[in-house]
Amino acid sequence: STGGELYILPDNNFYMCVGHNFTGSYTDSTAVQQYLDKINVFSVTTGPNNNLVLTAAPNGPITDGQPDQTTQFRRRDLVVAPNVLANGAGIGLAIYGGVFTYTPDAPASNSGTPFAHPIYVDYQQTPNYKIDTYSQPTNLYSTAFLSMYDTASKSMITSLFGGLGDSVQNFGSANWAKTISSNIRCYANNRDTTTNYPDTSQLPAYIGSESIFIPDAGVSYYNNYGDYKIIDYSSLTNGQTVGRIYGGIVCT
């Protein structure tokens, strides 16, 4: 699951989200990469001699059942963020961006465009995923992100810091991004719609790719969701430090 992300949700199952199985050297033309095209769901228990036992969960794997050529789950190197669910209760996942779409001439190559439609995971529902119609315009690669929930607007806010991909059109040339962009998932009026809020300010350099965001010790978390680092947006004050970006790649 190289390039995927792992979470444990309140149902006590682990969710290994997408990624690929890579064999060989990245610069070697004979290298093989096979996308997993799914989310593997499993539990972990202690077996004999304290060995860990992984057991597939009844609600997995999660996939759209499409072949590698057309599936929306053919992704890696992306942001997978915890999401507060409708009515402000419960935790699911949002899978944003990721690469690469299938190319018929070279199915294992890195020449396809990135994915733009989020996949939302809600283990309490059937089906347990939703492929959204919203098209993410930027920050499509793995990067630092900030999670907030706003009670007043009933919105889940995921702010992305830099990374790669200012747009779907220019991502193929691996453009680095200074953009700060927020995907806002709003549940007001019994809806579930996602929009994008581009910040007019920019990062001081081409940073963010493969970095992490560490919340400040002084922030307050929504509904005690500190394990998922979802900040209570209504508790923030103007100019408050909410966290720091650590690690990752700097393009110079």
C-alpha atoms as a PDB file:
ATOM      1  CA  SER A   1       0.000   0.000   0.000  1.00  0.00           C
ATOM      2  CA  THR A   2       2.809   2.429  -0.828  1.00  0.00           C
ATOM      3  CA  GLY A   3       1.416   5.955  -1.117  1.00  0.00           C
ATOM      4  CA  GLY A   4      -1.772   5.042   0.774  1.00  0.00           C
ATOM      5  CA  GLU A   5      -2.908   6.110   4.242  1.00  0.00           C
ATOM      6  CA  LEU A   6      -4.039   4.130   7.298  1.00  0.00           C
ATOM      7  CA  TYR A   7      -6.705   5.145   9.833  1.00  0.00           C
ATOM      8  CA  ILE A   8      -8.644   3.481  12.614  1.00  0.00           C
ATOM      9  CA  LEU A   9     -12.292   4.579  12.849  1.00  0.00           C
ATOM     10  CA  PRO A  10     -14.732   4.405  15.795  1.00  0.00           C
ATOM     11  CA  ASP A  11     -15.896   0.943  14.713  1.00  0.00           C
ATOM     12  CA  ASN A  12     -12.395  -0.204  15.809  1.00  0.00           C
ATOM     13  CA  ASN A  13     -11.504  -1.314  12.304  1.00  0.00           C
ATOM     14  CA  PHE A  14      -8.432  -0.183  10.398  1.00  0.00           C
ATOM     15  CA  TYR A  15      -8.935   1.365   6.966  1.00  0.00           C
ATOM     16  CA  MET A  16      -5.947   1.005   4.634  1.00  0.00           C
ATOM     17  CA  CYS A  17      -6.857   3.476   1.943  1.00  0.00           C
ATOM     18  CA  VAL A  18      -5.708   2.781  -1.621  1.00  0.00           C
ATOM     19  CA  GLY A  19      -2.015   2.937  -2.633  1.00  0.00           C
ATOM     20  CA  HIS A  20      -0.027   0.567  -4.835  1.00  0.00           C
ATOM     21  CA  ASN A  21       2.342  -2.385  -4.644  1.00  0.00           C
ATOM     22  CA  PHE A  22       5.684  -1.272  -6.080  1.00  0.00           C
ATOM     23  CA  THR A  23       8.532  -3.597  -7.023  1.00  0.00           C
ATOM     24  CA  GLY A  24      11.908  -2.455  -8.338  1.00  0.00           C
ATOM     25  CA  SER A  25      13.722   0.854  -8.625  1.00  0.00           C
ATOM     26  CA  TYR A  26      11.608   3.927  -9.288  1.00  0.00           C
ATOM     27  CA  THR A  27      13.850   5.003 -12.195  1.00  0.00           C
ATOM     28  CA  ASP A  28      14.021   1.497 -13.685  1.00  0.00           C
ATOM     29  CA  SER A  29      11.825   0.945 -16.742  1.00  0.00           C
ATOM     30  CA  THR A  30      11.329  -2.682 -15.676  1.00  0.00           C
ATOM     31  CA  ALA A  31       9.811  -1.719 -12.306  1.00  0.00           C
ATOM     32  CA  VAL A  32       6.307  -2.994 -11.651  1.00  0.00           C
ATOM     33  CA  GLN A  33       3.553  -1.128  -9.835  1.00  0.00           C
ATOM     34  CA  GLN A  34       0.108  -2.554  -9.220  1.00  0.00           C
ATOM     35  CA  TYR A  35      -2.577  -0.284  -7.796  1.00  0.00           C
ATOM     36  CA  LEU A  36      -4.712  -1.863  -5.089  1.00  0.00           C
ATOM     37  CA  ASP A  37      -7.912  -0.165  -6.351  1.00  0.00           C
ATOM     38  CA  LYS A  38      -9.616  -0.479  -2.954  1.00  0.00           C
ATOM     39  CA  ILE A  39      -9.701   0.249   0.759  1.00  0.00           C
ATOM     40  CA  ASN A  40      -8.799  -2.785   2.830  1.00  0.00           C
ATOM     41  CA  VAL A  41     -10.741  -2.947   6.115  1.00  0.00           C
ATOM     42  CA  PHE A  42      -9.490  -5.162   8.940  1.00  0.00           C
ATOM     43  CA  SER A  43      -9.378  -5.619  12.692  1.00  0.00           C
ATOM     44  CA  VAL A  44      -6.334  -6.405  14.830  1.00  0.00           C
ATOM     45  CA  THR A  45      -6.412  -8.786  17.792  1.00  0.00           C
ATOM     46  CA  THR A  46      -3.819 -10.547  19.930  1.00  0.00           C
ATOM     47  CA  GLY A  47      -3.370 -14.228  19.164  1.00  0.00           C
ATOM     48  CA  PRO A  48      -1.255 -17.026  20.645  1.00  0.00           C
ATOM     49  CA  ASN A  49       2.177 -15.968  21.930  1.00  0.00           C
ATOM     50  CA  ASN A  50       1.016 -12.350  21.709  1.00  0.00           C
ATOM     51  CA  ASN A  51       1.170 -12.424  17.908  1.00  0.00           C
ATOM     52  CA  LEU A  52      -0.973  -9.838  16.154  1.00  0.00           C
ATOM     53  CA  VAL A  53      -3.814 -11.292  14.095  1.00  0.00           C
ATOM     54  CA  LEU A  54      -5.315  -9.307  11.213  1.00  0.00           C
ATOM     55  CA  THR A  55      -8.875 -10.237  10.257  1.00  0.00           C
ATOM     56  CA  ALA A  56     -10.804  -8.887   7.280  1.00  0.00           C
ATOM     57  CA  ALA A  57     -13.853  -6.890   8.397  1.00  0.00           C
ATOM     58  CA  PRO A  58     -17.370  -7.697   7.108  1.00  0.00           C
ATOM     59  CA  ASN A  59     -17.762  -4.195   5.616  1.00  0.00           C
ATOM     60  CA  GLY A  60     -14.670  -4.432   3.434  1.00  0.00           C
ATOM     61  CA  PRO A  61     -12.932  -4.210   1.161  1.00  0.00           C
ATOM     62  CA  ILE A  62     -14.418  -0.922  -0.047  1.00  0.00           C
ATOM     63  CA  THR A  63     -14.301  -0.434  -3.816  1.00  0.00           C
ATOM     64  CA  ASP A  64     -16.483   0.613  -6.726  1.00  0.00           C
ATOM     65  CA  GLY A  65     -15.931  -2.766  -8.354  1.00  0.00           C
ATOM     66  CA  GLN A  66     -14.599  -1.210 -11.551  1.00  0.00           C
ATOM     67  CA  PRO A  67     -11.509  -2.537 -13.365  1.00  0.00           C
ATOM     68  CA  ASP A  68      -8.151  -0.822 -13.033  1.00  0.00           C
ATOM     69  CA  GLN A  69      -8.777   1.093 -16.256  1.00  0.00           C
ATOM     70  CA  THR A  70     -11.827   2.972 -14.911  1.00  0.00           C
ATOM     71  CA  THR A  71     -11.939   2.735 -11.115  1.00  0.00           C
ATOM     72  CA  GLN A  72     -11.875   5.869  -8.958  1.00  0.00           C
ATOM     73  CA  PHE A  73      -9.874   3.942  -6.347  1.00  0.00           C
ATOM     74  CA  ARG A  74      -6.700   3.765  -8.490  1.00  0.00           C
ATOM     75  CA  ARG A  75      -4.849   6.299  -6.342  1.00  0.00           C
ATOM     76  CA  ARG A  76      -1.689   6.908  -4.355  1.00  0.00           C
ATOM     77  CA  ASP A  77       0.330   9.846  -2.951  1.00  0.00           C
ATOM     78  CA  LEU A  78      -2.701  11.753  -1.755  1.00  0.00           C
ATOM     79  CA  VAL A  79      -4.475  13.297   1.225  1.00  0.00           C
ATOM     80  CA  VAL A  80      -6.774  11.076   3.276  1.00  0.00           C
ATOM     81  CA  ALA A  81      -8.401  13.208   5.963  1.00  0.00           C
ATOM     82  CA  PRO A  82     -10.810  12.408   8.807  1.00  0.00           C
ATOM     83  CA  ASN A  83     -14.247  13.925   8.232  1.00  0.00           C
ATOM     84  CA  VAL A  84     -17.005  14.804  10.678  1.00  0.00           C
ATOM     85  CA  LEU A  85     -20.183  13.302   9.239  1.00  0.00           C
ATOM     86  CA  ALA A  86     -23.653  14.782   8.789  1.00  0.00           C
ATOM     87  CA  ASN A  87     -25.315  16.376  11.837  1.00  0.00           C
ATOM     88  CA  GLY A  88     -21.859  16.838  13.344  1.00  0.00           C
ATOM     89  CA  ALA A  89     -21.819  13.287  14.657  1.00  0.00           C
ATOM     90  CA  GLY A  90     -19.498  10.450  13.796  1.00  0.00           C
ATOM     91  CA  ILE A  91     -16.207  10.217  11.937  1.00  0.00           C
ATOM     92  CA  GLY A  92     -15.553   9.050   8.386  1.00  0.00           C
ATOM     93  CA  LEU A  93     -12.822   9.664   5.829  1.00  0.00           C
ATOM     94  CA  ALA A  94     -12.298  11.894   2.808  1.00  0.00           C
ATOM     95  CA  ILE A  95      -9.917  10.789   0.066  1.00  0.00           C
ATOM     96  CA  TYR A  96      -8.683  13.819  -1.892  1.00  0.00           C
ATOM     97  CA  GLY A  97      -6.650  13.982  -5.106  1.00  0.00           C
ATOM     98  CA  GLY A  98      -4.097  11.286  -5.811  1.00  0.00           C
ATOM     99  CA  VAL A  99      -2.349   9.910  -8.902  1.00  0.00           C
ATOM    100  CA  PHE A 100      -2.437   8.452 -11.558  1.00  0.00           C
ATOM    101  CA  THR A 101      -5.342   7.720 -13.880  1.00  0.00           C
ATOM    102  CA  TYR A 102      -4.917   4.775 -16.232  1.00  0.00           C
ATOM    103  CA  THR A 103      -3.158   5.351 -19.542  1.00  0.00           C
ATOM    104  CA  PRO A 104      -3.790   2.667 -22.200  1.00  0.00           C
ATOM    105  CA  ASP A 105      -0.362   3.012 -23.832  1.00  0.00           C
ATOM    106  CA  ALA A 106       1.483   2.503 -20.523  1.00  0.00           C
ATOM    107  CA  PRO A 107      -0.850   1.239 -17.789  1.00  0.00           C
ATOM    108  CA  ALA A 108       1.877   1.149 -15.126  1.00  0.00           C
ATOM    109  CA  SER A 109       3.420   4.507 -16.010  1.00  0.00           C
ATOM    110  CA  ASN A 110       3.214   7.840 -14.202  1.00  0.00           C
ATOM    111  CA  SER A 111       1.856   9.801 -17.145  1.00  0.00           C
ATOM    112  CA  GLY A 112      -1.851   9.912 -16.295  1.00  0.00           C
ATOM    113  CA  THR A 113      -3.718  12.879 -14.873  1.00  0.00           C
ATOM    114  CA  PRO A 114      -4.552  13.061 -11.147  1.00  0.00           C
ATOM    115  CA  PHE A 115      -7.931  12.222  -9.656  1.00  0.00           C
ATOM    116  CA  ALA A 116     -10.173  15.156  -8.805  1.00  0.00           C
ATOM    117  CA  HIS A 117     -13.355  13.644  -7.325  1.00  0.00           C
ATOM    118  CA  PRO A 118     -13.243  12.956  -3.566  1.00  0.00           C
ATOM    119  CA  ILE A 119     -14.212   9.560  -2.193  1.00  0.00           C
ATOM    120  CA  TYR A 120     -16.118   9.879   1.082  1.00  0.00           C
ATOM    121  CA  VAL A 121     -16.162   6.875   3.428  1.00  0.00           C
ATOM    122  CA  ASP A 122     -18.928   6.385   6.015  1.00  0.00           C
ATOM    123  CA  TYR A 123     -18.864   2.918   7.557  1.00  0.00           C
ATOM    124  CA  GLN A 124     -22.299   3.513   9.141  1.00  0.00           C
ATOM    125  CA  GLN A 125     -24.048   3.740   5.762  1.00  0.00           C
ATOM    126  CA  THR A 126     -24.836   1.382   2.903  1.00  0.00           C
ATOM    127  CA  PRO A 127     -23.094   1.733   0.539  1.00  0.00           C
ATOM    128  CA  ASN A 128     -20.167   2.686   2.742  1.00  0.00           C
ATOM    129  CA  TYR A 129     -18.600   5.112   0.263  1.00  0.00           C
ATOM    130  CA  LYS A 130     -19.612   7.993  -1.999  1.00  0.00           C
ATOM    131  CA  ILE A 131     -17.762   9.289  -5.058  1.00  0.00           C
ATOM    132  CA  ASP A 132     -18.532  13.001  -5.052  1.00  0.00           C
ATOM    133  CA  THR A 133     -19.280  15.068  -8.157  1.00  0.00           C
ATOM    134  CA  TYR A 134     -17.128  17.927  -6.832  1.00  0.00           C
ATOM    135  CA  SER A 135     -13.919  18.438  -8.838  1.00  0.00           C
ATOM    136  CA  GLN A 136     -10.913  19.378  -6.721  1.00  0.00           C
ATOM    137  CA  PRO A 137      -8.977  22.107  -8.597  1.00  0.00           C
ATOM    138  CA  THR A 138      -5.626  22.146  -6.815  1.00  0.00           C
ATOM    139  CA  ASN A 139      -3.290  20.653  -4.153  1.00  0.00           C
ATOM    140  CA  LEU A 140      -3.790  17.176  -5.577  1.00  0.00           C
ATOM    141  CA  TYR A 141      -0.709  15.466  -4.145  1.00  0.00           C
ATOM    142  CA  SER A 142       0.115  14.268  -0.650  1.00  0.00           C
ATOM    143  CA  THR A 143       0.608  17.362   1.501  1.00  0.00           C
ATOM    144  CA  ALA A 144       0.098  18.865   4.951  1.00  0.00           C
ATOM    145  CA  PHE A 145      -3.547  19.522   5.832  1.00  0.00           C
ATOM    146  CA  LEU A 146      -5.569  21.166   8.605  1.00  0.00           C
ATOM    147  CA  SER A 147      -8.946  19.713   9.658  1.00  0.00           C
ATOM    148  CA  MET A 148     -11.667  21.927  11.189  1.00  0.00           C
ATOM    149  CA  TYR A 149     -15.408  21.636  11.803  1.00  0.00           C
ATOM    150  CA  ASP A 150     -17.680  24.693  11.891  1.00  0.00           C
ATOM    151  CA  THR A 151     -20.884  24.134  13.861  1.00  0.00           C
ATOM    152  CA  ALA A 152     -22.525  27.375  12.658  1.00  0.00           C
ATOM    153  CA  SER A 153     -22.368  26.455   8.960  1.00  0.00           C
ATOM    154  CA  LYS A 154     -22.382  22.683   9.520  1.00  0.00           C
ATOM    155  CA  SER A 155     -19.228  22.419   7.457  1.00  0.00           C
ATOM    156  CA  MET A 156     -16.172  20.190   7.477  1.00  0.00           C
ATOM    157  CA  ILE A 157     -13.143  22.204   6.359  1.00  0.00           C
ATOM    158  CA  THR A 158      -9.958  20.538   5.079  1.00  0.00           C
ATOM    159  CA  SER A 159      -7.237  23.094   4.279  1.00  0.00           C
ATOM    160  CA  LEU A 160      -4.368  21.894   2.084  1.00  0.00           C
ATOM    161  CA  PHE A 161      -0.928  23.506   2.128  1.00  0.00           C
ATOM    162  CA  GLY A 162       1.071  23.434  -1.096  1.00  0.00           C
ATOM    163  CA  GLY A 163       2.273  20.188  -2.559  1.00  0.00           C
ATOM    164  CA  LEU A 164       1.903  19.557  -6.279  1.00  0.00           C
ATOM    165  CA  GLY A 165      -0.729  20.482  -8.825  1.00  0.00           C
ATOM    166  CA  ASP A 166      -2.115  23.975  -9.270  1.00  0.00           C
ATOM    167  CA  SER A 167      -4.715  22.505 -11.604  1.00  0.00           C
ATOM    168  CA  VAL A 168      -5.595  19.284 -13.335  1.00  0.00           C
ATOM    169  CA  GLN A 169      -4.361  20.753 -16.605  1.00  0.00           C
ATOM    170  CA  ASN A 170      -0.791  21.521 -15.547  1.00  0.00           C
ATOM    171  CA  PHE A 171      -0.217  18.668 -13.120  1.00  0.00           C
ATOM    172  CA  GLY A 172       1.336  16.534 -15.837  1.00  0.00           C
ATOM    173  CA  SER A 173       4.430  18.748 -15.795  1.00  0.00           C
ATOM    174  CA  ALA A 174       4.712  18.291 -11.996  1.00  0.00           C
ATOM    175  CA  ASN A 175       4.214  21.935 -11.151  1.00  0.00           C
ATOM    176  CA  TRP A 176       4.881  22.705  -7.515  1.00  0.00           C
ATOM    177  CA  ALA A 177       2.271  24.705  -5.649  1.00  0.00           C
ATOM    178  CA  LYS A 178       2.396  27.551  -3.146  1.00  0.00           C
ATOM    179  CA  THR A 179      -1.377  27.489  -2.969  1.00  0.00           C
ATOM    180  CA  ILE A 180      -3.403  27.214   0.241  1.00  0.00           C
ATOM    181  CA  SER A 181      -6.776  25.750  -0.630  1.00  0.00           C
ATOM    182  CA  SER A 182      -9.721  24.460   1.414  1.00  0.00           C
ATOM    183  CA  ASN A 183     -12.221  21.775   0.494  1.00  0.00           C
ATOM    184  CA  ILE A 184     -15.434  22.622   2.352  1.00  0.00           C
ATOM    185  CA  ARG A 185     -18.020  19.876   2.788  1.00  0.00           C
ATOM    186  CA  CYS A 186     -21.306  21.452   3.918  1.00  0.00           C
ATOM    187  CA  TYR A 187     -24.217  19.569   5.472  1.00  0.00           C
ATOM    188  CA  ALA A 188     -26.586  22.542   5.937  1.00  0.00           C
ATOM    189  CA  ASN A 189     -30.238  22.157   4.906  1.00  0.00           C
ATOM    190  CA  ASN A 190     -29.911  18.350   4.800  1.00  0.00           C
ATOM    191  CA  ARG A 191     -27.458  18.522   1.914  1.00  0.00           C
ATOM    192  CA  ASP A 192     -23.987  17.142   1.359  1.00  0.00           C
ATOM    193  CA  THR A 193     -22.152  19.455  -1.038  1.00  0.00           C
ATOM    194  CA  THR A 194     -18.468  20.228  -1.446  1.00  0.00           C
ATOM    195  CA  THR A 195     -17.001  23.534  -2.604  1.00  0.00           C
ATOM    196  CA  ASN A 196     -13.502  24.981  -2.775  1.00  0.00           C
ATOM    197  CA  TYR A 197     -12.214  28.076  -1.026  1.00  0.00           C
ATOM    198  CA  PRO A 198      -8.887  29.307  -2.483  1.00  0.00           C
ATOM    199  CA  ASP A 199      -6.860  31.449  -0.069  1.00  0.00           C
ATOM    200  CA  THR A 200      -5.511  34.680  -1.568  1.00  0.00           C
ATOM    201  CA  SER A 201      -2.285  34.324   0.441  1.00  0.00           C
ATOM    202  CA  GLN A 202       0.404  31.845  -0.554  1.00  0.00           C
ATOM    203  CA  LEU A 203       3.072  29.808   1.179  1.00  0.00           C
ATOM    204  CA  PRO A 204       6.538  31.411   1.370  1.00  0.00           C
ATOM    205  CA  ALA A 205       8.071  28.645  -0.776  1.00  0.00           C
ATOM    206  CA  TYR A 206       7.197  25.473  -2.678  1.00  0.00           C
ATOM    207  CA  ILE A 207       6.707  23.384   0.434  1.00  0.00           C
ATOM    208  CA  GLY A 208       4.146  20.933   1.721  1.00  0.00           C
ATOM    209  CA  SER A 209       4.604  17.757  -0.337  1.00  0.00           C
ATOM    210  CA  GLU A 210       4.734  14.707   1.940  1.00  0.00           C
ATOM    211  CA  SER A 211       4.787  16.931   5.039  1.00  0.00           C
ATOM    212  CA  ILE A 212       2.439  16.795   8.032  1.00  0.00           C
ATOM    213  CA  PHE A 213       0.498  19.412   9.974  1.00  0.00           C
ATOM    214  CA  ILE A 214       0.914  19.369  13.764  1.00  0.00           C
ATOM    215  CA  PRO A 215      -1.822  21.264  15.661  1.00  0.00           C
ATOM    216  CA  ASP A 216      -0.754  23.732  18.339  1.00  0.00           C
ATOM    217  CA  ALA A 217      -1.198  22.617  21.947  1.00  0.00           C
ATOM    218  CA  GLY A 218      -3.561  25.534  22.570  1.00  0.00           C
ATOM    219  CA  VAL A 219      -6.274  24.601  20.076  1.00  0.00           C
ATOM    220  CA  SER A 220      -9.665  23.163  21.024  1.00  0.00           C
ATOM    221  CA  TYR A 221     -11.005  20.095  19.258  1.00  0.00           C
ATOM    222  CA  TYR A 222     -14.559  19.661  18.057  1.00  0.00           C
ATOM    223  CA  ASN A 223     -16.638  17.169  20.052  1.00  0.00           C
ATOM    224  CA  ASN A 224     -13.476  15.810  21.700  1.00  0.00           C
ATOM    225  CA  TYR A 225     -12.213  14.547  18.350  1.00  0.00           C
ATOM    226  CA  GLY A 226      -8.615  15.155  19.381  1.00  0.00           C
ATOM    227  CA  ASP A 227      -7.550  11.701  18.212  1.00  0.00           C
ATOM    228  CA  TYR A 228      -8.427  12.839  14.689  1.00  0.00           C
ATOM    229  CA  LYS A 229      -7.037  16.386  15.181  1.00  0.00           C
ATOM    230  CA  ILE A 230     -10.278  18.056  14.036  1.00  0.00           C
ATOM    231  CA  ILE A 231     -10.199  21.603  15.414  1.00  0.00           C
ATOM    232  CA  ASP A 232     -13.340  23.412  16.592  1.00  0.00           C
ATOM    233  CA  TYR A 233     -13.507  26.284  14.098  1.00  0.00           C
ATOM    234  CA  SER A 234     -15.838  28.353  16.304  1.00  0.00           C
ATOM    235  CA  SER A 235     -13.256  28.403  19.102  1.00  0.00           C
ATOM    236  CA  LEU A 236     -10.564  30.107  17.015  1.00  0.00           C
ATOM    237  CA  THR A 237      -9.633  33.762  17.426  1.00  0.00           C
ATOM    238  CA  ASN A 238      -8.193  36.126  14.815  1.00  0.00           C
ATOM    239  CA  GLY A 239      -4.443  35.662  14.492  1.00  0.00           C
ATOM    240  CA  GLN A 240      -4.336  32.532  16.630  1.00  0.00           C
ATOM    241  CA  THR A 241      -1.557  30.049  15.890  1.00  0.00           C
ATOM    242  CA  VAL A 242      -3.215  26.749  15.044  1.00  0.00           C
ATOM    243  CA  GLY A 243      -0.187  24.623  14.189  1.00  0.00           C
ATOM    244  CA  ARG A 244       2.997  24.007  12.257  1.00  0.00           C
ATOM    245  CA  ILE A 245       4.032  22.215   9.079  1.00  0.00           C
ATOM    246  CA  TYR A 246       6.782  19.667   9.618  1.00  0.00           C
ATOM    247  CA  GLY A 247       9.005  17.793   7.169  1.00  0.00           C
ATOM    248  CA  GLY A 248       8.308  17.129   3.526  1.00  0.00           C
ATOM    249  CA  ILE A 249       9.948  18.330   0.340  1.00  0.00           C
ATOM    250  CA  VAL A 250      11.117  21.849  -0.493  1.00  0.00           C
ATOM    251  CA  CYS A 251      11.452  22.652  -4.210  1.00  0.00           C
ATOM    252  CA  THR A 252      14.097  25.288  -4.967  1.00  0.00           C
END
